[in-house]
Structure formats: structure tokens, C-alpha cells
Amino acid sequence: MKNYSLKWRLVLGIVGTFIVVWAVAFAWLYNNLENKMSETLDERLSASAHMVARLLNQIPSNELLESARPIVNETDQQNLIACEVSFFSADISLEKQIVARTRGAPNELGDRPIGFSTWTDHNQNVWRSYVLKKQHLRVVSAEKVEVREKLLVEILQSVLYPLILTLIICILLILWVIRVEFKPVDDMTKALIIYKNKHDKELEYLTHRSLKSMPKEIQPFIENILQLVERLQLSLENEKNFSAYAAHELRSPLTAIKTNVQLSKMLAEQNVNHQDLVECLNDAEINISRYQNLLEQLLILSQTEHQKDKKIGKIYLNFELNQVIDQLKLIYADIENLVVVDWKSLGSVMIADDAIQIILRNIIENALKHAETSQVKIYQKNHKLYVQDFGKGMSKDDLKNAGQRFWRKSSQGQGYGLGLALCKVLMQQNNYQMLLESGLGQGLTVILDFNPINA
């Protein structure tokens, strides 16, 4: 299921409900108004016909026929209402005689049945008419349906515009109310987002936030989450402190042991019969050096994770890489032949000076020790530093695990699985990332991407 915002889902739900309810109410209003208006206008037609019939009945038939001069030849004039009065003689052999007629009345008025009817004239105009037959008079009153439609539209517009305005105001009020009510939740969310890439200071600020303004329904959830985060942070702190204290306490004994081993080795070398002892002491010295290196990396890793203020500045990769190569010459005498650097491609990056030296040293040493390569190539492209070896490489599964603490490709290896993990932590702390690309038999390429992650 896709992520969604509870706040906006609530807003859309309420607004959608408002729109549906008001649309149903408007449809009901439209239908009811149309029916009521049709009834009212039909009553007006009927009342008009009866009024005309009562007035003309007061005039004697002879006088009415002699004085009436209807205009029946101007049917092209456009009128919205029409009326026609006809006189029927007692002699059934005589046709009806039109006594009076409005200008522009359609010729079809005389053919309408008694009562109400809706019909279309020869100009395709739709009419609504009422026919009244009273004694010798036949009165037809009619109006165009267009009049009714315009009147209905005007009435609906006068209702619809305030309705839409009210709906918009209600939606704005809903947004404002939900925003105010969700403000404590939003503040807590922002605090959690800020803490995501921060240190202990922000956690202390987060755990001491007041929960009084939180809705009661989510207060227990927030409290439990904060307690869980606090316990987790305490556990991580204890783990870091243990590593740091253990490494610090073991450093001095290992140094003393190494010194004693070196002295014993010097004494054993003076006697030709003690060559086996010399070899054992050599192995012991190598192992002690390995453990010293492990302790140094643990201390650096612990200090790196505890460090809050990093002295970030502009450093030049060619200068830092030269220093690292000079340091490694003490271990690898032919390192200048093993490491091929494209010096012209190297530029500058923003990072702490000690961090970049640790990163470069670990990556280069990792390639020389474990990759079984004859050469290591270093170059920079698109603000990314590539350290490429041509050794046996790694499988896809190994790439997923590489960079995790204490992970080693083989238990027979000399390393402790901290080199790449330390590089990864240092890059992340400077808002950069370290990527690994490899294939079996194709070597390993470590990419130091100095493009900021959040840029």
C-alpha cells in the first residue's frame, strides 16, 4: 500500500462528503424548483385564459364580432407570449371566427386541444399552452418554454453562486481547522526528520518535548515510540563506549607484549639453535601488529561516531594521496609501481583532512592486501574518485555485505572487516556516499561520490 498523508486523506474525505451532499441537495432543489415553477406558470396561463374569457363574456356577441379586428398577418414577429380568442356560432355549419389575437402568435394556436399541452410551431419554437372553452368563446393562452428555462436558470444561478461560495469557505475552514489540530503531530514529525541525520543533542530535545498538546488518541503511541528511541540510543551508546574502552584498555597491554616479543626475538637471533623460536616470535609479532591495527580502527570508528563537530574544509586530493602513498611505502616498498594515479584528473573536495586520509589509506590497503591484484588505478571523474583494482572481484551477494562491520569474504583472510565499514561511515558523516562495483574476475571498483547526498 502506498504511503499517504492522514491529514490530506481526512481533508479529501470531508470535502468529498460535502461536495456529494451538496450536489444531491442541489439536484433535489433543481427538480423541486422546476416542478413548482411549472405548476405556478401553468396556473398563470390558466388564470390569464379565464380572465380574458370573463371580460369578453360581458360584451354581447354581435358587438364583439362587429368591433373586433384581429391582426392575423404578422406572424413573423417574435413574441414570448401569445393569446388567441375565437368565437363559435350556434350554427355548426359555420367555422369559428377569430375575434382577437396577439401579434406574432403562431398559426397553430387554434389547433390546440382543450387543457394544457406542449407543442412545437413551424419555426421549431416550443410552446406551452392552455385552452379554455366557455360558452361561445375559445381562449388560448400560450408562452414559449424558453421563457421558463431562462427564468429557471436565473433562479438557479442566484442559488448556486452563494452555494459555491459557501462551499469554498467551508473547505478553507476545514483546511484551517485540520491544520491547527494537526500542528502538534506535524511538529513531532519535523523533529523526527531533523533528528534523522543528527546526533545526541537532537535526541535529548526530542525526548523532552511536551506531549500535552498531543491528541489523547496518539499520546500513548508517541510516548512508547520516544521511549523506544531513547532505549535504542542508550544501547548504541553503550556499544560504542564498550568498543572504545575495550580498545583503549587493550592498547597498552598489546604494546607491552609486542615489546617483550621483540626483545625475545633479538635474544633468540643471537643463538643459531633457536631458529624455530625466532619463527614463532615472528608470527607472534605479526599477529600482535594485526590486533593493534584492529584496536586502532575500533578507536577511530568509535571516535568518528561520537564526533559532532567536524573540521570540514577544502582539501586537494593530489596532496592527500601523496601523503597516504608515502605512509604506505613503509609497508609496500614497490607501491609506486602497484598504484597508478591519474594526477591530472584529481581536484579538490570539501571534507575533513583526517577523514580523507583514513578513507584513502583503508581503500588502497584493502586492494593491495585482499584483491590479489597486480595494479591499483586511481582517477577522478565528475566529482567522483575511483579506486579500481584488477583482482578476483566480488559476487553480487558479497557486494551487498561488503561495508558491513566485521564482514569478511573469507574466514582465512587477514583483515577484520572494519576497513570498508569505517570508510562508509566517514563518507556518510560528511554527507557523501561510497559505492562498490564489481564482478567475478573483473576486479573491484570503489567509488567515492563527493556529490552531496541532499543537494
Protein backbone atom coordinates (compact mmCIF):
# COMPACT_ATOMS: atom_id res chain seq x y z
CA MET A 1 0.00 0.00 0.00
CA LYS A 2 1.32 3.40 -0.95
CA ASN A 3 2.16 5.96 1.69
CA TYR A 4 -0.46 8.63 2.23
CA SER A 5 -0.96 11.66 4.42
CA LEU A 6 -3.59 11.13 7.11
CA LYS A 7 -4.21 14.88 7.20
CA TRP A 8 -4.87 15.20 3.47
CA ARG A 9 -6.88 11.99 3.41
CA LEU A 10 -9.11 13.45 6.13
CA VAL A 11 -9.41 16.74 4.22
CA LEU A 12 -10.29 14.98 0.97
CA GLY A 13 -12.80 12.74 2.76
CA ILE A 14 -14.63 15.64 4.41
CA VAL A 15 -14.52 17.84 1.30
CA GLY A 16 -15.70 14.95 -0.88
CA THR A 17 -18.58 14.28 1.50
CA PHE A 18 -19.53 17.98 1.46
CA ILE A 19 -19.50 18.08 -2.34
CA VAL A 20 -21.58 14.90 -2.70
CA VAL A 21 -24.16 16.03 -0.10
CA TRP A 22 -24.45 19.49 -1.62
CA ALA A 23 -24.64 18.06 -5.15
CA VAL A 24 -27.53 15.80 -4.08
CA ALA A 25 -29.20 18.76 -2.33
CA PHE A 26 -28.77 20.92 -5.45
CA ALA A 27 -30.20 18.18 -7.69
CA TRP A 28 -33.19 17.83 -5.37
CA LEU A 29 -33.59 21.63 -5.33
CA TYR A 30 -33.41 21.77 -9.13
CA ASN A 31 -36.02 19.06 -9.58
CA ASN A 32 -38.36 20.50 -6.96
CA LEU A 33 -37.96 24.05 -8.24
CA GLU A 34 -38.62 23.01 -11.83
CA ASN A 35 -41.84 21.22 -10.85
CA LYS A 36 -43.07 24.05 -8.65
CA MET A 37 -42.26 26.67 -11.28
CA SER A 38 -44.04 24.68 -13.98
CA GLU A 39 -47.13 24.41 -11.76
CA THR A 40 -47.06 28.14 -10.99
CA LEU A 41 -46.63 29.20 -14.61
CA ASP A 42 -49.35 26.78 -15.73
CA GLU A 43 -51.66 28.33 -13.19
CA ARG A 44 -50.75 31.74 -14.60
CA LEU A 45 -51.70 30.57 -18.12
CA SER A 46 -54.99 29.19 -16.86
CA ALA A 47 -55.75 32.35 -14.88
CA SER A 48 -54.98 34.52 -17.95
CA ALA A 49 -57.34 32.50 -20.14
CA HIS A 50 -60.15 32.66 -17.57
CA MET A 51 -59.69 36.42 -17.09
CA VAL A 52 -59.89 37.06 -20.84
CA ALA A 53 -62.98 34.86 -21.13
CA ARG A 54 -64.76 36.67 -18.26
CA LEU A 55 -64.03 40.06 -19.77
CA LEU A 56 -65.21 39.16 -23.25
CA ASN A 57 -68.37 37.43 -21.98
CA GLN A 58 -69.52 40.85 -20.74
CA ILE A 59 -69.68 42.07 -24.32
CA PRO A 60 -72.68 40.97 -26.45
CA SER A 61 -71.77 38.56 -29.21
CA ASN A 62 -72.96 40.81 -32.03
CA GLU A 63 -70.99 43.78 -30.83
CA LEU A 64 -67.93 41.59 -30.25
CA LEU A 65 -68.00 40.26 -33.80
CA GLU A 66 -68.57 43.69 -35.34
CA SER A 67 -65.95 45.58 -33.35
CA ALA A 68 -63.15 43.01 -33.28
CA ARG A 69 -60.48 43.38 -35.98
CA PRO A 70 -57.75 40.82 -35.21
CA ILE A 71 -54.31 41.14 -36.79
CA VAL A 72 -53.62 37.75 -38.28
CA ASN A 73 -50.95 38.56 -40.86
CA GLU A 74 -47.93 39.50 -38.68
CA THR A 75 -46.90 36.07 -37.59
CA ASP A 76 -43.18 36.67 -38.12
CA GLN A 77 -42.80 38.98 -35.16
CA GLN A 78 -41.05 37.25 -32.30
CA ASN A 79 -43.09 37.26 -29.09
CA LEU A 80 -42.57 35.20 -25.95
CA ILE A 81 -46.30 35.00 -25.07
CA ALA A 82 -49.35 34.66 -27.28
CA CYS A 83 -53.11 34.70 -26.94
CA GLU A 84 -55.98 33.95 -29.32
CA VAL A 85 -59.74 34.34 -28.84
CA SER A 86 -62.18 32.56 -31.18
CA PHE A 87 -65.98 32.75 -31.42
CA PHE A 88 -68.14 29.71 -32.18
CA SER A 89 -71.59 30.29 -33.68
CA ALA A 90 -74.62 28.21 -32.76
CA ASP A 91 -74.81 27.22 -36.42
CA ILE A 92 -72.48 24.23 -36.65
CA SER A 93 -72.12 24.73 -40.40
CA LEU A 94 -70.18 27.95 -39.79
CA GLU A 95 -66.47 27.82 -38.94
CA LYS A 96 -65.02 29.50 -35.92
CA GLN A 97 -64.17 33.18 -36.18
CA ILE A 98 -61.01 34.66 -34.62
CA VAL A 99 -62.04 37.64 -32.54
CA ALA A 100 -58.65 38.69 -31.13
CA ARG A 101 -55.05 37.60 -31.45
CA THR A 102 -51.67 38.90 -30.26
CA ARG A 103 -49.02 39.98 -32.72
CA GLY A 104 -46.64 37.22 -33.80
CA ALA A 105 -48.83 34.42 -32.43
CA PRO A 106 -48.24 31.15 -34.26
CA ASN A 107 -50.98 29.82 -36.51
CA GLU A 108 -51.01 26.53 -34.62
CA LEU A 109 -52.74 28.13 -31.60
CA GLY A 110 -56.20 27.34 -32.95
CA ASP A 111 -55.45 23.65 -33.27
CA ARG A 112 -54.58 23.00 -29.63
CA PRO A 113 -56.69 20.60 -27.58
CA ILE A 114 -58.58 21.80 -24.52
CA GLY A 115 -56.41 21.99 -21.43
CA PHE A 116 -52.62 22.12 -21.13
CA SER A 117 -50.29 20.95 -23.90
CA THR A 118 -46.70 21.38 -25.05
CA TRP A 119 -46.02 21.62 -28.77
CA THR A 120 -43.68 22.97 -31.47
CA ASP A 121 -44.58 25.57 -34.10
CA HIS A 122 -43.36 25.76 -37.68
CA ASN A 123 -40.28 27.75 -36.56
CA GLN A 124 -39.27 24.93 -34.19
CA ASN A 125 -40.14 27.01 -31.13
CA VAL A 126 -41.50 25.01 -28.20
CA TRP A 127 -44.68 26.39 -26.60
CA ARG A 128 -46.70 25.65 -23.50
CA SER A 129 -50.43 26.49 -23.93
CA TYR A 130 -53.74 26.34 -22.13
CA VAL A 131 -57.08 26.17 -24.00
CA LEU A 132 -60.34 27.27 -22.34
CA LYS A 133 -63.73 26.83 -23.99
CA LYS A 134 -66.52 28.78 -22.32
CA GLN A 135 -69.96 29.17 -23.98
CA HIS A 136 -69.28 30.53 -27.50
CA LEU A 137 -65.70 31.64 -26.73
CA ARG A 138 -62.49 29.66 -27.07
CA VAL A 139 -59.46 31.28 -25.39
CA VAL A 140 -55.89 30.05 -25.94
CA SER A 141 -53.05 31.47 -23.82
CA ALA A 142 -49.51 30.31 -24.53
CA GLU A 143 -45.89 31.12 -23.74
CA LYS A 144 -42.58 29.87 -25.05
CA VAL A 145 -40.84 27.23 -22.98
CA GLU A 146 -37.71 29.35 -23.49
CA VAL A 147 -39.17 31.86 -21.00
CA ARG A 148 -39.49 29.16 -18.37
CA GLU A 149 -35.97 27.85 -18.99
CA LYS A 150 -34.42 31.33 -18.70
CA LEU A 151 -36.34 32.00 -15.51
CA LEU A 152 -35.26 28.65 -14.05
CA VAL A 153 -31.61 29.32 -14.94
CA GLU A 154 -31.72 32.77 -13.34
CA ILE A 155 -33.23 31.36 -10.15
CA LEU A 156 -30.70 28.53 -10.01
CA GLN A 157 -27.81 30.95 -10.58
CA SER A 158 -29.00 33.11 -7.72
CA VAL A 159 -28.93 29.98 -5.53
CA LEU A 160 -25.83 28.29 -6.98
CA TYR A 161 -23.36 31.19 -6.63
CA PRO A 162 -23.88 31.61 -2.87
CA LEU A 163 -23.82 27.81 -2.57
CA ILE A 164 -20.41 27.56 -4.29
CA LEU A 165 -19.06 30.50 -2.27
CA THR A 166 -20.25 28.85 0.95
CA LEU A 167 -18.67 25.54 -0.12
CA ILE A 168 -15.31 27.24 -0.77
CA ILE A 169 -15.45 28.99 2.61
CA CYS A 170 -16.28 25.68 4.31
CA ILE A 171 -13.35 23.95 2.57
CA LEU A 172 -10.97 26.72 3.68
CA LEU A 173 -12.29 26.49 7.23
CA ILE A 174 -11.85 22.70 7.18
CA LEU A 175 -8.24 23.10 5.98
CA TRP A 176 -7.53 25.68 8.68
CA VAL A 177 -9.10 23.62 11.48
CA ILE A 178 -7.31 20.41 10.46
CA ARG A 179 -4.02 22.28 10.13
CA VAL A 180 -4.39 23.72 13.63
CA GLU A 181 -5.39 20.38 15.14
CA PHE A 182 -2.57 18.51 13.38
CA LYS A 183 0.10 21.07 14.30
CA PRO A 184 1.44 19.05 17.29
CA VAL A 185 1.73 15.97 15.10
CA ASP A 186 3.45 17.96 12.35
CA ASP A 187 5.90 19.43 14.87
CA MET A 188 6.78 15.97 16.13
CA THR A 189 7.23 14.73 12.55
CA LYS A 190 9.57 17.62 11.74
CA ALA A 191 11.55 16.92 14.91
CA LEU A 192 11.94 13.27 13.88
CA ILE A 193 13.05 14.27 10.38
CA ILE A 194 15.61 16.70 11.82
CA TYR A 195 16.90 14.01 14.17
CA LYS A 196 17.30 11.51 11.33
CA ASN A 197 20.75 12.80 10.38
CA LYS A 198 21.71 14.41 13.66
CA HIS A 199 23.32 13.39 16.94
CA ASP A 200 22.52 13.03 20.61
CA LYS A 201 21.73 16.68 21.23
CA GLU A 202 18.67 16.46 18.99
CA LEU A 203 17.57 13.22 20.68
CA GLU A 204 17.58 14.95 24.06
CA TYR A 205 15.49 17.75 22.59
CA LEU A 206 13.11 15.21 21.06
CA THR A 207 12.57 13.13 24.20
CA HIS A 208 11.89 16.19 26.37
CA ARG A 209 9.13 17.59 24.17
CA SER A 210 5.81 18.28 25.87
CA LEU A 211 3.05 15.84 24.94
CA LYS A 212 0.23 17.88 26.49
CA SER A 213 -0.73 19.40 23.14
CA MET A 214 -0.89 15.97 21.50
CA PRO A 215 -4.29 14.39 20.85
CA LYS A 216 -5.14 11.87 23.55
CA GLU A 217 -5.64 9.12 20.98
CA ILE A 218 -1.97 9.17 19.88
CA GLN A 219 -0.26 10.22 23.14
CA PRO A 220 0.45 6.60 24.25
CA PHE A 221 1.84 5.78 20.81
CA ILE A 222 4.18 8.81 20.79
CA GLU A 223 5.32 8.11 24.36
CA ASN A 224 6.14 4.49 23.56
CA ILE A 225 7.98 5.48 20.38
CA LEU A 226 10.09 8.05 22.25
CA GLN A 227 10.90 5.57 25.00
CA LEU A 228 11.89 3.00 22.39
CA VAL A 229 14.14 5.52 20.62
CA GLU A 230 15.71 6.52 23.91
CA ARG A 231 16.41 2.90 24.88
CA LEU A 232 17.81 2.17 21.45
CA GLN A 233 20.08 5.21 21.62
CA LEU A 234 21.27 4.19 25.08
CA SER A 235 22.03 0.70 23.80
CA LEU A 236 24.02 2.11 20.88
CA GLU A 237 25.90 4.42 23.23
CA ASN A 238 26.81 1.51 25.47
CA GLU A 239 28.02 -0.45 22.47
CA LYS A 240 30.16 2.43 21.24
CA ASN A 241 31.57 3.09 24.69
CA PHE A 242 32.37 -0.58 25.19
CA SER A 243 34.28 -0.71 21.90
CA ALA A 244 36.17 2.47 22.74
CA TYR A 245 37.01 1.43 26.32
CA ALA A 246 37.98 -2.10 25.31
CA ALA A 247 40.24 -0.85 22.52
CA HIS A 248 41.83 1.74 24.80
CA GLU A 249 42.42 -0.70 27.65
CA LEU A 250 43.90 -3.35 25.36
CA ARG A 251 46.25 -0.98 23.58
CA SER A 252 48.80 -0.69 26.39
CA PRO A 253 49.00 -4.45 27.18
CA LEU A 254 49.43 -5.25 23.48
CA THR A 255 52.21 -2.68 23.20
CA ALA A 256 53.95 -4.24 26.20
CA ILE A 257 53.55 -7.75 24.80
CA LYS A 258 54.91 -6.63 21.43
CA THR A 259 57.93 -5.06 23.11
CA ASN A 260 58.65 -8.27 25.04
CA VAL A 261 58.26 -10.34 21.88
CA GLN A 262 60.71 -8.11 20.02
CA LEU A 263 63.24 -8.37 22.88
CA SER A 264 62.84 -12.16 22.99
CA LYS A 265 63.33 -12.26 19.23
CA MET A 266 66.55 -10.26 19.48
CA LEU A 267 67.88 -12.66 22.15
CA ALA A 268 66.83 -15.72 20.15
CA GLU A 269 68.52 -14.47 16.99
CA GLN A 270 71.88 -14.44 18.81
CA ASN A 271 71.71 -18.24 19.12
CA VAL A 272 71.74 -20.23 15.89
CA ASN A 273 69.97 -23.17 17.55
CA HIS A 274 66.85 -21.11 18.26
CA GLN A 275 65.66 -20.53 14.68
CA ASP A 276 62.32 -22.25 15.33
CA LEU A 277 61.78 -19.92 18.25
CA VAL A 278 62.59 -16.93 16.05
CA GLU A 279 59.96 -18.01 13.53
CA CYS A 280 57.36 -18.38 16.28
CA LEU A 281 58.22 -14.97 17.62
CA ASN A 282 57.92 -13.51 14.11
CA ASP A 283 54.41 -14.97 13.80
CA ALA A 284 53.55 -13.63 17.24
CA GLU A 285 54.78 -10.14 16.29
CA ILE A 286 52.72 -10.19 13.08
CA ASN A 287 49.60 -11.23 14.96
CA ILE A 288 50.18 -8.58 17.61
CA SER A 289 50.51 -5.95 14.85
CA ARG A 290 47.24 -7.14 13.39
CA TYR A 291 45.49 -6.80 16.73
CA GLN A 292 47.00 -3.35 17.21
CA ASN A 293 45.64 -2.37 13.80
CA LEU A 294 42.23 -3.74 14.80
CA LEU A 295 42.24 -1.71 18.01
CA GLU A 296 43.27 1.43 16.15
CA GLN A 297 40.40 1.01 13.70
CA LEU A 298 37.92 0.38 16.53
CA LEU A 299 39.10 3.57 18.27
CA ILE A 300 38.86 5.58 15.06
CA LEU A 301 35.38 4.18 14.35
CA SER A 302 34.21 4.98 17.87
CA GLN A 303 35.67 8.49 17.78
CA THR A 304 34.13 9.08 14.37
CA GLU A 305 30.64 8.11 15.55
CA HIS A 306 30.95 10.28 18.68
CA GLN A 307 32.39 13.25 16.84
CA LYS A 308 29.86 16.09 16.48
CA ASP A 309 31.93 18.98 15.19
CA LYS A 310 33.86 18.06 12.07
CA LYS A 311 36.51 20.44 10.71
CA ILE A 312 35.40 20.37 7.10
CA GLY A 313 37.49 22.32 4.63
CA LYS A 314 38.71 22.35 1.08
CA ILE A 315 41.39 19.73 0.54
CA TYR A 316 43.35 18.77 -2.58
CA LEU A 317 43.27 15.08 -3.42
CA ASN A 318 46.72 15.00 -5.03
CA PHE A 319 48.35 16.30 -1.82
CA GLU A 320 46.43 13.91 0.45
CA LEU A 321 47.04 10.94 -1.84
CA ASN A 322 50.79 11.68 -1.92
CA GLN A 323 50.88 11.61 1.88
CA VAL A 324 49.00 8.30 2.02
CA ILE A 325 51.33 6.70 -0.54
CA ASP A 326 54.38 7.91 1.43
CA GLN A 327 52.95 6.31 4.58
CA LEU A 328 52.30 3.01 2.79
CA LYS A 329 55.86 2.89 1.42
CA LEU A 330 56.98 1.64 4.82
CA ILE A 331 54.83 -1.47 4.28
CA TYR A 332 54.82 -1.78 0.48
CA ALA A 333 58.22 -0.80 -0.88
CA ASP A 334 57.10 -1.04 -4.53
CA ILE A 335 53.82 0.81 -4.02
CA GLU A 336 54.69 3.37 -6.72
CA ASN A 337 54.61 0.53 -9.24
CA LEU A 338 51.45 -1.02 -7.78
CA VAL A 339 49.38 2.18 -7.58
CA VAL A 340 48.85 4.09 -10.83
CA VAL A 341 47.36 7.56 -10.32
CA ASP A 342 45.98 9.94 -12.92
CA TRP A 343 47.24 13.04 -11.14
CA LYS A 344 45.84 15.46 -13.73
CA SER A 345 42.29 14.33 -13.07
CA LEU A 346 42.47 14.94 -9.32
CA GLY A 347 40.80 18.08 -7.99
CA SER A 348 39.57 19.37 -4.64
CA VAL A 349 36.72 18.26 -2.33
CA MET A 350 35.10 19.54 0.85
CA ILE A 351 35.88 17.09 3.66
CA ALA A 352 37.83 16.79 6.89
CA ASP A 353 41.58 16.32 6.31
CA ASP A 354 41.99 13.36 8.68
CA ALA A 355 38.86 11.67 7.29
CA ILE A 356 40.07 11.61 3.68
CA GLN A 357 43.45 10.21 4.70
CA ILE A 358 41.83 7.36 6.64
CA ILE A 359 39.50 6.63 3.72
CA LEU A 360 42.23 6.59 1.08
CA ARG A 361 44.61 4.53 3.21
CA ASN A 362 41.99 1.89 4.03
CA ILE A 363 40.75 1.52 0.45
CA ILE A 364 44.22 1.30 -1.10
CA GLU A 365 45.48 -1.07 1.58
CA ASN A 366 42.36 -3.20 1.24
CA ALA A 367 43.01 -3.55 -2.52
CA LEU A 368 46.70 -4.42 -2.04
CA LYS A 369 46.04 -6.96 0.73
CA HIS A 370 42.91 -8.79 -0.36
CA ALA A 371 42.27 -8.21 -4.07
CA GLU A 372 45.24 -10.24 -5.37
CA THR A 373 45.81 -7.57 -7.97
CA SER A 374 48.92 -6.52 -9.81
CA GLN A 375 47.82 -2.91 -10.05
CA VAL A 376 45.52 -0.34 -8.47
CA LYS A 377 44.26 2.51 -10.65
CA ILE A 378 43.11 5.82 -9.14
CA TYR A 379 41.41 8.66 -11.05
CA GLN A 380 38.67 11.28 -10.61
CA LYS A 381 35.67 11.93 -12.85
CA ASN A 382 32.52 14.01 -12.36
CA HIS A 383 33.45 14.77 -8.76
CA LYS A 384 33.81 11.04 -8.04
CA LEU A 385 37.07 9.37 -7.06
CA TYR A 386 37.55 5.85 -8.48
CA VAL A 387 39.88 3.30 -6.87
CA GLN A 388 39.96 0.31 -9.20
CA ASP A 389 41.81 -2.98 -8.80
CA PHE A 390 42.07 -5.84 -11.29
CA GLY A 391 41.82 -8.74 -8.88
CA LYS A 392 39.33 -11.55 -8.44
CA GLY A 393 36.41 -9.20 -7.67
CA MET A 394 33.20 -9.94 -5.76
CA SER A 395 29.87 -11.58 -6.45
CA LYS A 396 26.56 -9.70 -6.13
CA ASP A 397 25.90 -11.28 -2.73
CA ASP A 398 29.34 -10.25 -1.49
CA LEU A 399 28.75 -6.67 -2.68
CA LYS A 400 25.60 -6.47 -0.56
CA ASN A 401 27.55 -7.45 2.56
CA ALA A 402 30.73 -5.50 1.85
CA GLY A 403 30.91 -2.42 4.03
CA GLN A 404 29.20 -4.07 6.99
CA ARG A 405 31.19 -4.23 10.21
CA PHE A 406 33.26 -7.36 10.77
CA TRP A 407 32.18 -8.90 7.46
CA ARG A 408 34.95 -10.79 5.68
CA LYS A 409 34.77 -12.59 2.39
CA SER A 410 36.72 -15.50 3.84
CA SER A 411 37.50 -16.57 7.37
CA GLN A 412 41.05 -17.25 6.19
CA GLY A 413 41.63 -13.58 5.43
CA GLN A 414 43.94 -11.38 7.44
CA GLY A 415 41.53 -8.48 7.87
CA TYR A 416 38.78 -7.89 10.43
CA GLY A 417 36.06 -6.39 8.20
CA LEU A 418 36.35 -2.84 9.52
CA GLY A 419 38.21 -1.02 6.74
CA LEU A 420 35.36 -0.50 4.27
CA ALA A 421 32.86 -0.06 7.12
CA LEU A 422 34.96 2.79 8.52
CA CYS A 423 35.22 4.42 5.08
CA LYS A 424 31.47 4.16 4.61
CA VAL A 425 30.77 5.82 8.00
CA LEU A 426 33.23 8.64 7.32
CA MET A 427 31.69 9.35 3.90
CA GLN A 428 28.15 9.36 5.30
CA GLN A 429 29.11 11.72 8.12
CA ASN A 430 30.34 14.20 5.51
CA ASN A 431 27.07 13.84 3.53
CA TYR A 432 28.73 11.76 0.80
CA GLN A 433 28.41 8.11 -0.19
CA MET A 434 30.66 5.20 -1.05
CA LEU A 435 29.63 2.83 -3.84
CA LEU A 436 31.04 -0.56 -4.84
CA GLU A 437 31.04 -2.06 -8.34
CA SER A 438 32.41 -5.48 -9.18
CA GLY A 439 32.00 -8.77 -10.96
CA LEU A 440 33.72 -12.11 -10.51
CA GLY A 441 37.11 -11.93 -12.23
CA GLN A 442 36.61 -8.26 -13.08
CA GLY A 443 38.12 -6.64 -10.01
CA LEU A 444 36.54 -4.25 -7.51
CA THR A 445 35.94 -0.54 -8.06
CA VAL A 446 35.38 1.65 -5.00
CA ILE A 447 33.63 4.92 -5.95
CA LEU A 448 33.87 7.83 -3.54
CA ASP A 449 31.00 10.07 -4.59
CA PHE A 450 31.70 13.61 -3.36
CA ASN A 451 28.39 14.99 -4.65
CA PRO A 452 26.33 15.89 -1.54
CA ILE A 453 23.51 13.40 -0.96
CA ASN A 454 20.88 16.04 -0.07
CA ALA A 455 21.86 18.50 -2.80
